[in-house]
N, C-alpha and C. Protein backbone atom coordinates (compact mmCIF):
# COMPACT_ATOMS: atom_id res chain seq x y z
N LEU A 1 6.59 -8.65 0.35
CA LEU A 1 7.67 -8.97 -0.04
C LEU A 1 8.11 -9.67 -1.53
N ASP A 2 6.66 -9.77 -2.29
CA ASP A 2 6.53 -9.73 -3.65
C ASP A 2 6.84 -9.08 -4.29
N LYS A 3 6.37 -7.50 -3.86
CA LYS A 3 6.91 -5.85 -4.61
C LYS A 3 7.92 -6.16 -4.87
N HIS A 4 9.18 -6.51 -3.25
CA HIS A 4 9.89 -5.98 -3.79
C HIS A 4 11.12 -6.87 -4.26
N ASN A 5 10.64 -8.10 -4.31
CA ASN A 5 11.14 -9.07 -5.22
C ASN A 5 11.06 -9.22 -6.89
N GLY A 6 10.00 -8.74 -6.92
CA GLY A 6 9.67 -8.34 -7.94
C GLY A 6 10.15 -6.90 -8.98
N TRP A 7 10.80 -5.71 -8.44
CA TRP A 7 11.32 -4.79 -8.69
C TRP A 7 12.72 -5.18 -8.72
N GLN A 8 13.51 -5.06 -9.79
CA GLN A 8 14.75 -5.24 -10.54
C GLN A 8 15.87 -4.76 -9.96
N PRO A 9 15.74 -3.00 -9.38
CA PRO A 9 16.77 -3.31 -8.26
C PRO A 9 17.30 -4.27 -6.97
N PHE A 10 16.07 -5.20 -6.87
CA PHE A 10 16.21 -5.78 -5.36
C PHE A 10 15.94 -7.10 -6.00
N SER A 11 16.14 -7.55 -7.39
CA SER A 11 15.81 -8.81 -7.76
C SER A 11 17.28 -9.86 -6.65
N THR A 12 17.95 -8.88 -6.46
CA THR A 12 19.14 -9.92 -6.34
C THR A 12 19.59 -9.92 -4.45
N HIS A 13 18.23 -9.28 -3.54
CA HIS A 13 18.65 -8.72 -2.36
C HIS A 13 18.33 -10.37 -1.91
N GLU A 14 18.99 -10.54 -0.58
CA GLU A 14 18.30 -12.27 -0.27
C GLU A 14 17.28 -11.53 1.32
N VAL A 15 16.48 -12.03 1.68
CA VAL A 15 15.59 -11.69 2.78
C VAL A 15 16.24 -12.62 4.49
N ILE A 16 16.71 -11.92 4.61
CA ILE A 16 17.10 -12.63 5.97
C ILE A 16 16.61 -12.95 7.40
N ASN A 17 16.86 -13.39 8.50
CA ASN A 17 15.78 -14.04 9.48
C ASN A 17 16.85 -12.45 10.51
N VAL A 18 15.58 -11.80 11.17
CA VAL A 18 16.05 -10.90 12.10
C VAL A 18 17.23 -11.56 12.90
N GLN A 19 17.09 -12.43 13.65
CA GLN A 19 18.30 -12.90 14.74
C GLN A 19 19.75 -12.90 13.88
N ASP A 20 19.57 -12.80 12.42
CA ASP A 20 20.95 -12.81 11.92
C ASP A 20 21.70 -11.79 11.78
N VAL A 21 20.48 -11.11 11.12
CA VAL A 21 21.42 -9.50 11.52
C VAL A 21 22.24 -8.73 12.49
N ALA A 22 21.90 -9.44 13.49
CA ALA A 22 23.03 -9.35 14.88
C ALA A 22 24.46 -9.87 14.57
N VAL A 23 25.12 -10.62 13.74
CA VAL A 23 26.21 -11.22 13.50
C VAL A 23 26.81 -10.54 12.29
N LEU A 24 25.72 -9.74 11.60
CA LEU A 24 26.76 -9.26 10.39
C LEU A 24 26.86 -7.58 10.51
N ASN A 25 27.53 -7.45 9.59
CA ASN A 25 27.72 -5.57 9.25
C ASN A 25 26.98 -4.83 8.30
N THR A 26 27.16 -3.45 7.71
CA THR A 26 26.37 -2.89 6.89
C THR A 26 27.08 -3.40 5.83
N SER A 27 28.26 -3.48 5.90
CA SER A 27 28.83 -3.80 4.36
C SER A 27 28.41 -5.02 4.34
N GLN A 28 27.83 -6.06 4.66
CA GLN A 28 27.30 -7.04 4.22
C GLN A 28 25.58 -7.22 3.93
N LEU A 29 24.86 -6.02 4.59
CA LEU A 29 24.05 -6.01 4.30
C LEU A 29 23.69 -5.12 2.91
N LEU A 30 24.53 -3.66 2.55
CA LEU A 30 24.31 -3.03 1.44
C LEU A 30 25.43 -3.01 0.84
N PRO A 31 26.01 -3.80 0.72
CA PRO A 31 26.97 -3.70 -0.37
C PRO A 31 26.68 -2.95 -1.68
N PHE A 32 27.35 -1.54 -1.53
CA PHE A 32 27.28 -1.02 -2.86
C PHE A 32 27.98 -1.22 -3.46
N ASN A 33 27.88 -1.35 -5.25
CA ASN A 33 28.59 -1.31 -5.74
C ASN A 33 28.41 -0.56 -7.12
N GLU A 34 29.15 0.40 -7.14
CA GLU A 34 28.57 1.70 -8.43
C GLU A 34 28.57 0.92 -9.96
N ASP A 35 30.00 -0.15 -9.94
CA ASP A 35 29.35 -0.87 -11.18
C ASP A 35 28.43 -1.56 -11.98
N ARG A 36 27.57 -1.47 -10.32
CA ARG A 36 26.30 -3.06 -10.79
C ARG A 36 25.29 -2.20 -11.45
N ASN A 37 25.16 -3.04 -12.58
CA ASN A 37 24.01 -2.54 -13.87
C ASN A 37 22.58 -2.42 -13.76
N MET A 38 22.60 -1.58 -12.67
CA MET A 38 21.01 -1.43 -12.19
C MET A 38 20.23 -0.58 -13.22
N LYS A 39 19.64 -1.09 -13.99
CA LYS A 39 18.15 0.07 -14.94
C LYS A 39 17.27 0.39 -14.36
N CYS A 40 17.10 1.36 -15.05
CA CYS A 40 15.36 2.05 -14.24
C CYS A 40 14.65 1.17 -15.29
N ASN A 41 13.46 0.96 -14.44
CA ASN A 41 12.17 0.46 -14.84
C ASN A 41 11.77 0.99 -15.86
N ASP A 42 11.67 2.33 -15.69
CA ASP A 42 10.61 3.10 -16.71
C ASP A 42 11.24 3.67 -18.01
N HIS A 43 12.79 3.89 -17.81
CA HIS A 43 13.77 4.50 -18.73
C HIS A 43 15.05 3.56 -19.55
N ASN A 44 14.96 2.64 -18.94
CA ASN A 44 15.54 1.30 -18.85
C ASN A 44 17.45 2.05 -19.22
N GLU A 45 17.80 3.29 -18.19
CA GLU A 45 19.04 3.58 -17.76
C GLU A 45 19.15 3.40 -16.69
N PRO A 46 20.90 3.64 -16.36
CA PRO A 46 21.32 3.67 -15.32
C PRO A 46 20.92 4.02 -13.95
N ILE A 47 20.66 3.36 -13.11
CA ILE A 47 20.57 3.91 -12.44
C ILE A 47 21.74 4.71 -11.45
N LYS A 48 21.73 6.04 -11.64
CA LYS A 48 23.04 6.75 -10.72
C LYS A 48 22.53 7.88 -9.51
N VAL A 49 21.38 8.01 -9.60
CA VAL A 49 20.48 9.23 -8.93
C VAL A 49 19.77 8.79 -7.43
N TYR A 50 20.14 9.06 -6.50
CA TYR A 50 19.24 8.78 -5.31
C TYR A 50 17.80 9.95 -4.89
N CYS A 51 16.70 9.68 -5.27
CA CYS A 51 14.98 10.66 -4.78
C CYS A 51 15.28 10.46 -3.33
N GLU A 52 16.04 11.91 -2.69
CA GLU A 52 15.50 12.00 -1.42
C GLU A 52 14.07 12.02 -1.25
N THR A 53 13.44 12.87 -1.92
CA THR A 53 11.79 13.08 -1.49
C THR A 53 11.06 11.83 -1.73
N CYS A 54 11.25 10.43 -2.33
CA CYS A 54 10.67 9.56 -2.27
C CYS A 54 11.40 8.05 -1.94
N GLN A 55 12.56 8.43 -1.57
CA GLN A 55 14.09 7.64 -0.99
C GLN A 55 13.38 6.49 -1.77
N GLU A 56 14.08 6.89 -2.75
CA GLU A 56 14.33 5.63 -3.92
C GLU A 56 15.41 5.57 -5.01
N LEU A 57 15.79 5.05 -5.60
CA LEU A 57 17.20 5.14 -6.89
C LEU A 57 15.94 5.19 -7.89
N ILE A 58 16.70 6.18 -9.04
CA ILE A 58 16.18 6.27 -10.39
C ILE A 58 17.34 6.87 -11.30
N CYS A 59 16.97 7.27 -12.33
CA CYS A 59 17.99 7.04 -13.74
C CYS A 59 18.24 8.80 -13.70
N ARG A 60 18.84 9.17 -14.44
CA ARG A 60 18.74 10.64 -15.01
C ARG A 60 17.34 11.05 -15.90
N ASP A 61 16.91 10.24 -16.53
CA ASP A 61 16.11 11.05 -17.10
C ASP A 61 14.68 11.11 -16.24
N CYS A 62 14.57 10.27 -14.86
CA CYS A 62 13.55 10.14 -14.10
C CYS A 62 13.69 11.98 -13.24
N THR A 63 14.38 12.82 -13.38
CA THR A 63 14.64 13.35 -12.65
C THR A 63 14.70 15.15 -13.13
N VAL A 64 13.85 14.95 -14.57
CA VAL A 64 13.06 15.54 -15.44
C VAL A 64 11.77 15.09 -15.55
N SER A 65 11.50 13.81 -15.18
CA SER A 65 10.26 13.15 -15.06
C SER A 65 9.35 13.85 -14.60
N LYS A 66 7.93 13.97 -14.69
CA LYS A 66 6.58 14.70 -13.87
C LYS A 66 6.77 14.07 -12.77
N ARG A 67 7.24 12.69 -12.31
CA ARG A 67 7.30 11.96 -10.89
C ARG A 67 8.23 12.70 -10.20
N HIS A 68 9.06 12.76 -10.63
CA HIS A 68 10.23 13.95 -9.87
C HIS A 68 11.20 14.81 -10.25
N ARG A 69 9.85 15.69 -10.67
CA ARG A 69 10.45 16.65 -11.50
C ARG A 69 11.12 17.65 -10.24
N ASN A 70 10.47 17.69 -9.00
CA ASN A 70 10.91 19.23 -8.32
C ASN A 70 11.49 18.50 -6.87
N HIS A 71 11.81 16.96 -7.18
CA HIS A 71 11.98 16.45 -5.85
C HIS A 71 13.50 16.91 -5.46
N ASP A 72 14.03 16.38 -4.21
CA ASP A 72 15.38 16.46 -4.15
C ASP A 72 16.14 15.26 -4.58
N TYR A 73 17.07 15.65 -4.78
CA TYR A 73 18.11 14.26 -5.33
C TYR A 73 19.42 14.53 -5.42
N ASN A 74 19.89 13.22 -5.07
CA ASN A 74 21.73 13.56 -5.41
C ASN A 74 22.36 12.25 -6.18
N LEU A 75 23.44 12.31 -6.32
CA LEU A 75 23.68 11.10 -7.05
C LEU A 75 24.09 10.06 -5.92
N ILE A 76 24.12 8.96 -6.38
CA ILE A 76 24.06 7.73 -4.93
C ILE A 76 25.22 8.16 -4.54
N THR A 77 26.35 8.18 -5.31
CA THR A 77 28.01 8.16 -4.77
C THR A 77 27.91 9.29 -3.39
N GLU A 78 27.07 10.81 -3.80
CA GLU A 78 26.82 11.35 -3.10
C GLU A 78 25.86 10.92 -1.54
N SER A 79 24.86 10.65 -1.92
CA SER A 79 23.60 10.00 -0.85
C SER A 79 24.49 8.78 -0.05
N TYR A 80 25.20 8.20 -0.66
CA TYR A 80 25.12 6.70 -0.30
C TYR A 80 25.93 6.94 1.27
N PRO A 81 27.33 7.28 1.78
CA PRO A 81 27.40 7.65 3.11
C PRO A 81 26.72 8.23 3.82
N LYS A 82 25.62 9.43 4.07
CA LYS A 82 24.77 9.69 4.96
C LYS A 82 23.55 8.20 4.92
N HIS A 83 23.52 7.81 4.21
CA HIS A 83 22.35 6.63 4.13
C HIS A 83 22.90 5.88 5.03
N HIS A 84 24.03 5.60 4.81
CA HIS A 84 24.74 4.50 5.10
C HIS A 84 25.46 4.13 7.09
N GLN A 85 25.32 5.37 7.00
CA GLN A 85 25.39 5.98 8.99
C GLN A 85 24.63 5.56 9.15
N GLU A 86 23.02 6.15 9.03
CA GLU A 86 22.17 6.31 9.59
C GLU A 86 21.42 4.72 9.59
N ILE A 87 21.89 3.52 8.45
CA ILE A 87 21.30 2.38 8.68
C ILE A 87 22.48 1.67 9.96
N GLU A 88 23.51 2.16 9.89
CA GLU A 88 24.41 1.49 10.93
C GLU A 88 23.82 1.67 12.34
N ALA A 89 23.38 3.15 12.26
CA ALA A 89 22.93 3.34 13.77
C ALA A 89 22.01 2.66 13.97
N ASP A 90 20.77 2.45 12.94
CA ASP A 90 19.34 1.69 13.09
C ASP A 90 19.97 0.19 13.01
N LEU A 91 20.98 -0.04 12.90
CA LEU A 91 21.45 -1.69 12.62
C LEU A 91 21.55 -1.87 14.26
N THR A 92 22.74 -0.82 14.30
CA THR A 92 23.07 -0.88 15.87
C THR A 92 21.97 -1.50 17.06
N LYS A 93 21.07 -0.77 16.73
CA LYS A 93 19.72 -0.81 17.84
C LYS A 93 19.10 -2.15 17.27
N VAL A 94 19.07 -2.60 16.56
CA VAL A 94 18.27 -3.75 16.34
C VAL A 94 19.46 -4.71 16.56
N LYS A 95 20.65 -4.65 16.61
CA LYS A 95 21.49 -6.19 17.39
C LYS A 95 20.99 -6.02 18.88
N THR A 96 21.32 -4.92 19.37
CA THR A 96 21.06 -5.29 20.58
C THR A 96 19.78 -5.16 21.00
N LYS A 97 18.94 -5.19 20.57
CA LYS A 97 17.47 -6.03 21.05
C LYS A 97 17.34 -7.45 20.96
N VAL A 98 18.25 -8.14 19.53
CA VAL A 98 17.98 -8.70 19.33
C VAL A 98 19.28 -9.99 19.98
N ALA A 99 20.25 -9.36 20.61
CA ALA A 99 21.10 -10.64 21.27
C ALA A 99 20.66 -10.29 22.58
């Protein structure tokens, strides 16, 4: 949890009890705002890309860095709908177990 809270893109996240998940929807849990000013910790550039290989948000400079160079990645705006649907399905499963 400390590592999660210490990383800038997660600094505004709120940790909630799993029982509370049953009354929320994914738009409340995963508010996506393209205009949020998230910055890369390595390059201090806007985060606009999702690395599918590492499953993390990165900046455009990261795409050519040694760490992500040969990875699969997409713009967040292209990846978000796919992952949102996957999380929605997982959330439905959690809700049925918690309820």
